[in-house]
C-alpha atoms as a PDB file:
ATOM      1  CA  UNK A   1     164.578  98.977  85.646  1.00  0.00           C
ATOM      2  CA  UNK A   2     161.466  97.519  86.902  1.00  0.00           C
ATOM      3  CA  UNK A   3     161.041  93.827  87.065  1.00  0.00           C
ATOM      4  CA  UNK A   4     157.334  92.553  86.272  1.00  0.00           C
ATOM      5  CA  UNK A   5     156.658  89.491  88.283  1.00  0.00           C
ATOM      6  CA  UNK A   6     153.636  86.939  87.955  1.00  0.00           C
ATOM      7  CA  UNK A   7     151.447  87.640  90.987  1.00  0.00           C
ATOM      8  CA  UNK A   8     151.312  85.070  93.502  1.00  0.00           C
ATOM      9  CA  UNK A   9     147.822  83.872  93.714  1.00  0.00           C
ATOM     10  CA  UNK A  10     146.278  83.616  97.022  1.00  0.00           C
ATOM     11  CA  UNK A  11     142.919  82.362  98.606  1.00  0.00           C
ATOM     12  CA  UNK A  12     141.184  82.972 101.792  1.00  0.00           C
ATOM     13  CA  UNK A  13     138.211  80.879 103.206  1.00  0.00           C
ATOM     14  CA  UNK A  14     135.572  83.199 105.124  1.00  0.00           C
ATOM     15  CA  UNK A  15     133.930  80.062 107.112  1.00  0.00           C
ATOM     16  CA  UNK A  16     130.608  80.732 108.317  1.00  0.00           C
ATOM     17  CA  UNK A  17     129.023  78.562 111.277  1.00  0.00           C
ATOM     18  CA  UNK A  18     125.494  78.050 111.696  1.00  0.00           C
ATOM     19  CA  UNK A  19     124.633  81.010 112.756  1.00  0.00           C
ATOM     20  CA  UNK A  20     126.293  83.465 110.373  1.00  0.00           C
ATOM     21  CA  UNK A  21     129.282  84.123 112.653  1.00  0.00           C
ATOM     22  CA  UNK A  22     132.565  83.831 110.714  1.00  0.00           C
ATOM     23  CA  UNK A  23     135.866  82.049 111.864  1.00  0.00           C
ATOM     24  CA  UNK A  24     138.715  84.188 111.948  1.00  0.00           C
ATOM     25  CA  UNK A  25     142.256  83.355 113.958  1.00  0.00           C
ATOM     26  CA  UNK A  26     145.142  85.240 115.033  1.00  0.00           C
ATOM     27  CA  UNK A  27     148.517  85.016 113.573  1.00  0.00           C
ATOM     28  CA  UNK A  28     151.739  84.184 115.731  1.00  0.00           C
ATOM     29  CA  UNK A  29     153.869  87.101 116.767  1.00  0.00           C
ATOM     30  CA  UNK A  30     156.497  85.994 115.221  1.00  0.00           C
ATOM     31  CA  UNK A  31     154.628  85.426 111.526  1.00  0.00           C
ATOM     32  CA  UNK A  32     157.001  87.426 108.998  1.00  0.00           C
ATOM     33  CA  UNK A  33     154.260  88.912 107.300  1.00  0.00           C
ATOM     34  CA  UNK A  34     151.734  89.911 109.521  1.00  0.00           C
ATOM     35  CA  UNK A  35     152.887  88.967 113.107  1.00  0.00           C
ATOM     36  CA  UNK A  36     150.358  89.048 115.840  1.00  0.00           C
ATOM     37  CA  UNK A  37     147.201  90.166 113.208  1.00  0.00           C
ATOM     38  CA  UNK A  38     143.444  88.890 112.946  1.00  0.00           C
ATOM     39  CA  UNK A  39     143.544  86.221 109.727  1.00  0.00           C
ATOM     40  CA  UNK A  40     141.033  84.239 108.057  1.00  0.00           C
ATOM     41  CA  UNK A  41     142.064  80.652 106.917  1.00  0.00           C
ATOM     42  CA  UNK A  42     144.117  80.656 103.522  1.00  0.00           C
ATOM     43  CA  UNK A  43     147.069  80.832 101.881  1.00  0.00           C
ATOM     44  CA  UNK A  44     149.346  80.533  98.501  1.00  0.00           C
ATOM     45  CA  UNK A  45     147.557  78.393  95.533  1.00  0.00           C
ATOM     46  CA  UNK A  46     150.221  75.980  95.044  1.00  0.00           C
ATOM     47  CA  UNK A  47     151.900  75.100  91.468  1.00  0.00           C
ATOM     48  CA  UNK A  48     149.398  73.014  89.417  1.00  0.00           C
ATOM     49  CA  UNK A  49     146.650  73.608  91.861  1.00  0.00           C
ATOM     50  CA  UNK A  50     143.010  75.369  91.501  1.00  0.00           C
ATOM     51  CA  UNK A  51     141.736  77.850  93.588  1.00  0.00           C
ATOM     52  CA  UNK A  52     138.920  75.230  95.092  1.00  0.00           C
ATOM     53  CA  UNK A  53     141.941  73.116  95.576  1.00  0.00           C
ATOM     54  CA  UNK A  54     144.030  75.317  97.534  1.00  0.00           C
ATOM     55  CA  UNK A  55     141.168  76.283  99.506  1.00  0.00           C
ATOM     56  CA  UNK A  56     140.248  72.895 100.357  1.00  0.00           C
ATOM     57  CA  UNK A  57     143.777  72.034 101.723  1.00  0.00           C
ATOM     58  CA  UNK A  58     144.046  75.555 103.196  1.00  0.00           C
ATOM     59  CA  UNK A  59     141.061  74.595 105.542  1.00  0.00           C
ATOM     60  CA  UNK A  60     142.282  71.155 106.472  1.00  0.00           C
ATOM     61  CA  UNK A  61     145.957  72.602 106.957  1.00  0.00           C
ATOM     62  CA  UNK A  62     144.802  75.185 109.329  1.00  0.00           C
ATOM     63  CA  UNK A  63     141.866  73.936 110.904  1.00  0.00           C
ATOM     64  CA  UNK A  64     141.288  70.316 110.429  1.00  0.00           C
ATOM     65  CA  UNK A  65     137.776  71.016 108.700  1.00  0.00           C
ATOM     66  CA  UNK A  66     136.766  69.636 105.496  1.00  0.00           C
ATOM     67  CA  UNK A  67     135.697  72.412 102.829  1.00  0.00           C
ATOM     68  CA  UNK A  68     131.549  71.171 102.479  1.00  0.00           C
ATOM     69  CA  UNK A  69     130.968  73.926 100.141  1.00  0.00           C
ATOM     70  CA  UNK A  70     131.668  77.416  98.153  1.00  0.00           C
ATOM     71  CA  UNK A  71     128.489  79.495  98.835  1.00  0.00           C
ATOM     72  CA  UNK A  72     130.036  82.732  96.997  1.00  0.00           C
ATOM     73  CA  UNK A  73     133.090  84.918  96.428  1.00  0.00           C
ATOM     74  CA  UNK A  74     133.328  88.165  97.824  1.00  0.00           C
ATOM     75  CA  UNK A  75     136.276  89.699  97.101  1.00  0.00           C
ATOM     76  CA  UNK A  76     139.016  89.689  94.619  1.00  0.00           C
ATOM     77  CA  UNK A  77     141.850  91.787  95.206  1.00  0.00           C
ATOM     78  CA  UNK A  78     145.312  92.590  94.931  1.00  0.00           C
ATOM     79  CA  UNK A  79     147.902  93.224  97.475  1.00  0.00           C
ATOM     80  CA  UNK A  80     151.667  93.782  98.036  1.00  0.00           C
ATOM     81  CA  UNK A  81     153.977  92.141 100.452  1.00  0.00           C
ATOM     82  CA  UNK A  82     157.762  91.928 100.632  1.00  0.00           C
ATOM     83  CA  UNK A  83     157.872  93.330  97.471  1.00  0.00           C
ATOM     84  CA  UNK A  84     155.611  90.530  95.593  1.00  0.00           C
ATOM     85  CA  UNK A  85     152.242  90.995  94.093  1.00  0.00           C
ATOM     86  CA  UNK A  86     149.554  89.129  95.258  1.00  0.00           C
ATOM     87  CA  UNK A  87     145.818  88.504  93.602  1.00  0.00           C
ATOM     88  CA  UNK A  88     143.804  87.027  96.488  1.00  0.00           C
ATOM     89  CA  UNK A  89     140.234  85.341  96.034  1.00  0.00           C
ATOM     90  CA  UNK A  90     138.003  85.164  99.053  1.00  0.00           C
ATOM     91  CA  UNK A  91     135.187  82.791  99.392  1.00  0.00           C
ATOM     92  CA  UNK A  92     132.183  82.157 101.783  1.00  0.00           C
ATOM     93  CA  UNK A  93     132.213  78.704 102.631  1.00  0.00           C
ATOM     94  CA  UNK A  94     130.651  76.196 104.824  1.00  0.00           C
ATOM     95  CA  UNK A  95     132.857  73.181 106.128  1.00  0.00           C
ATOM     96  CA  UNK A  96     132.379  69.758 108.360  1.00  0.00           C
ATOM     97  CA  UNK A  97     134.087  69.179 111.860  1.00  0.00           C
ATOM     98  CA  UNK A  98     133.588  70.226 114.888  1.00  0.00           C
ATOM     99  CA  UNK A  99     133.227  74.077 114.632  1.00  0.00           C
ATOM    100  CA  UNK A 100     133.798  74.474 118.648  1.00  0.00           C
ATOM    101  CA  UNK A 101     137.598  72.687 118.361  1.00  0.00           C
ATOM    102  CA  UNK A 102     139.293  73.773 115.055  1.00  0.00           C
ATOM    103  CA  UNK A 103     143.011  72.180 115.064  1.00  0.00           C
ATOM    104  CA  UNK A 104     145.307  75.338 114.646  1.00  0.00           C
ATOM    105  CA  UNK A 105     148.478  75.466 113.542  1.00  0.00           C
ATOM    106  CA  UNK A 106     149.787  76.301 117.181  1.00  0.00           C
ATOM    107  CA  UNK A 107     153.170  77.841 115.679  1.00  0.00           C
ATOM    108  CA  UNK A 108     151.361  79.932 113.390  1.00  0.00           C
ATOM    109  CA  UNK A 109     148.135  80.516 114.792  1.00  0.00           C
ATOM    110  CA  UNK A 110     147.618  81.545 118.858  1.00  0.00           C
ATOM    111  CA  UNK A 111     143.743  81.605 118.984  1.00  0.00           C
ATOM    112  CA  UNK A 112     140.599  81.982 117.429  1.00  0.00           C
ATOM    113  CA  UNK A 113     137.121  83.522 117.015  1.00  0.00           C
ATOM    114  CA  UNK A 114     133.405  83.287 115.672  1.00  0.00           C
ATOM    115  CA  UNK A 115     132.642  86.936 114.977  1.00  0.00           C
ATOM    116  CA  UNK A 116     129.026  88.347 113.920  1.00  0.00           C
ATOM    117  CA  UNK A 117     128.663  91.562 111.558  1.00  0.00           C
ATOM    118  CA  UNK A 118     128.427  93.637 114.977  1.00  0.00           C
ATOM    119  CA  UNK A 119     131.479  92.501 116.235  1.00  0.00           C
ATOM    120  CA  UNK A 120     134.036  92.968 113.333  1.00  0.00           C
ATOM    121  CA  UNK A 121     135.400  95.665 115.325  1.00  0.00           C
ATOM    122  CA  UNK A 122     137.790  93.370 116.781  1.00  0.00           C
ATOM    123  CA  UNK A 123     139.494  93.397 113.637  1.00  0.00           C
ATOM    124  CA  UNK A 124     140.450  97.139 113.923  1.00  0.00           C
ATOM    125  CA  UNK A 125     143.354  95.709 115.834  1.00  0.00           C
ATOM    126  CA  UNK A 126     144.602  95.100 112.250  1.00  0.00           C
ATOM    127  CA  UNK A 127     144.768  98.773 111.097  1.00  0.00           C
ATOM    128  CA  UNK A 128     148.065  99.524 113.290  1.00  0.00           C
ATOM    129  CA  UNK A 129     149.624  98.182 110.461  1.00  0.00           C
ATOM    130  CA  UNK A 130     147.563 100.068 108.317  1.00  0.00           C
ATOM    131  CA  UNK A 131     145.481  97.325 106.971  1.00  0.00           C
ATOM    132  CA  UNK A 132     141.784  96.816 106.808  1.00  0.00           C
ATOM    133  CA  UNK A 133     141.624  94.355 104.491  1.00  0.00           C
ATOM    134  CA  UNK A 134     141.111  91.509 106.958  1.00  0.00           C
ATOM    135  CA  UNK A 135     137.915  93.310 108.042  1.00  0.00           C
ATOM    136  CA  UNK A 136     137.140  94.258 104.872  1.00  0.00           C
ATOM    137  CA  UNK A 137     136.578  90.998 103.568  1.00  0.00           C
ATOM    138  CA  UNK A 138     135.003  89.875 106.745  1.00  0.00           C
ATOM    139  CA  UNK A 139     132.678  92.345 106.321  1.00  0.00           C
ATOM    140  CA  UNK A 140     131.777  91.598 103.070  1.00  0.00           C
ATOM    141  CA  UNK A 141     131.125  88.025 103.991  1.00  0.00           C
ATOM    142  CA  UNK A 142     128.668  89.364 106.481  1.00  0.00           C
ATOM    143  CA  UNK A 143     126.768  91.510 103.958  1.00  0.00           C
ATOM    144  CA  UNK A 144     126.518  88.457 101.560  1.00  0.00           C
ATOM    145  CA  UNK A 145     125.210  86.305 104.092  1.00  0.00           C
ATOM    146  CA  UNK A 146     122.723  88.814 105.326  1.00  0.00           C
ATOM    147  CA  UNK A 147     121.145  89.847 101.727  1.00  0.00           C
ATOM    148  CA  UNK A 148     121.520  85.737 101.295  1.00  0.00           C
ATOM    149  CA  UNK A 149     119.368  85.400 104.087  1.00  0.00           C
ATOM    150  CA  UNK A 150     115.897  86.448 102.614  1.00  0.00           C
ATOM    151  CA  UNK A 151     117.003  84.921  99.550  1.00  0.00           C
ATOM    152  CA  UNK A 152     117.093  80.651  98.826  1.00  0.00           C
ATOM    153  CA  UNK A 153     120.707  80.045  98.702  1.00  0.00           C
ATOM    154  CA  UNK A 154     121.720  78.070  95.827  1.00  0.00           C
ATOM    155  CA  UNK A 155     124.471  75.211  96.204  1.00  0.00           C
ATOM    156  CA  UNK A 156     126.883  76.060  93.544  1.00  0.00           C
END
């Protein structure tokens, strides 16, 4: 008999800088899930928390920055890990703070990078585990930014 469980809601922040680069960070080698892989800022939505509140909290916890505004949702995907279903919503966002100096959670993330659309091949390192998820969402963010650059950007 298969047990049906409610999926864990997850948010991801595709943080853009003024040059339309996207922030990624490397997970530490001792992380249980996706050790050593590049990742975007984000995590699980806590009980009673909205997606926006979770996004705001995760950005502050993982970088020390403050969410300024959400520009667009570019992905809404389901994935599984450790036998659990996750439903992830990823958003292109702008933040306030010193973008050259994120306050990484050093026990969880060892390095960071700002990548352009032409540099997403850096994320191919994750494919050794068979996953293109992070590369796909970063590519979606760059595609949205490229499409939006010729149009006036709306504040949600």
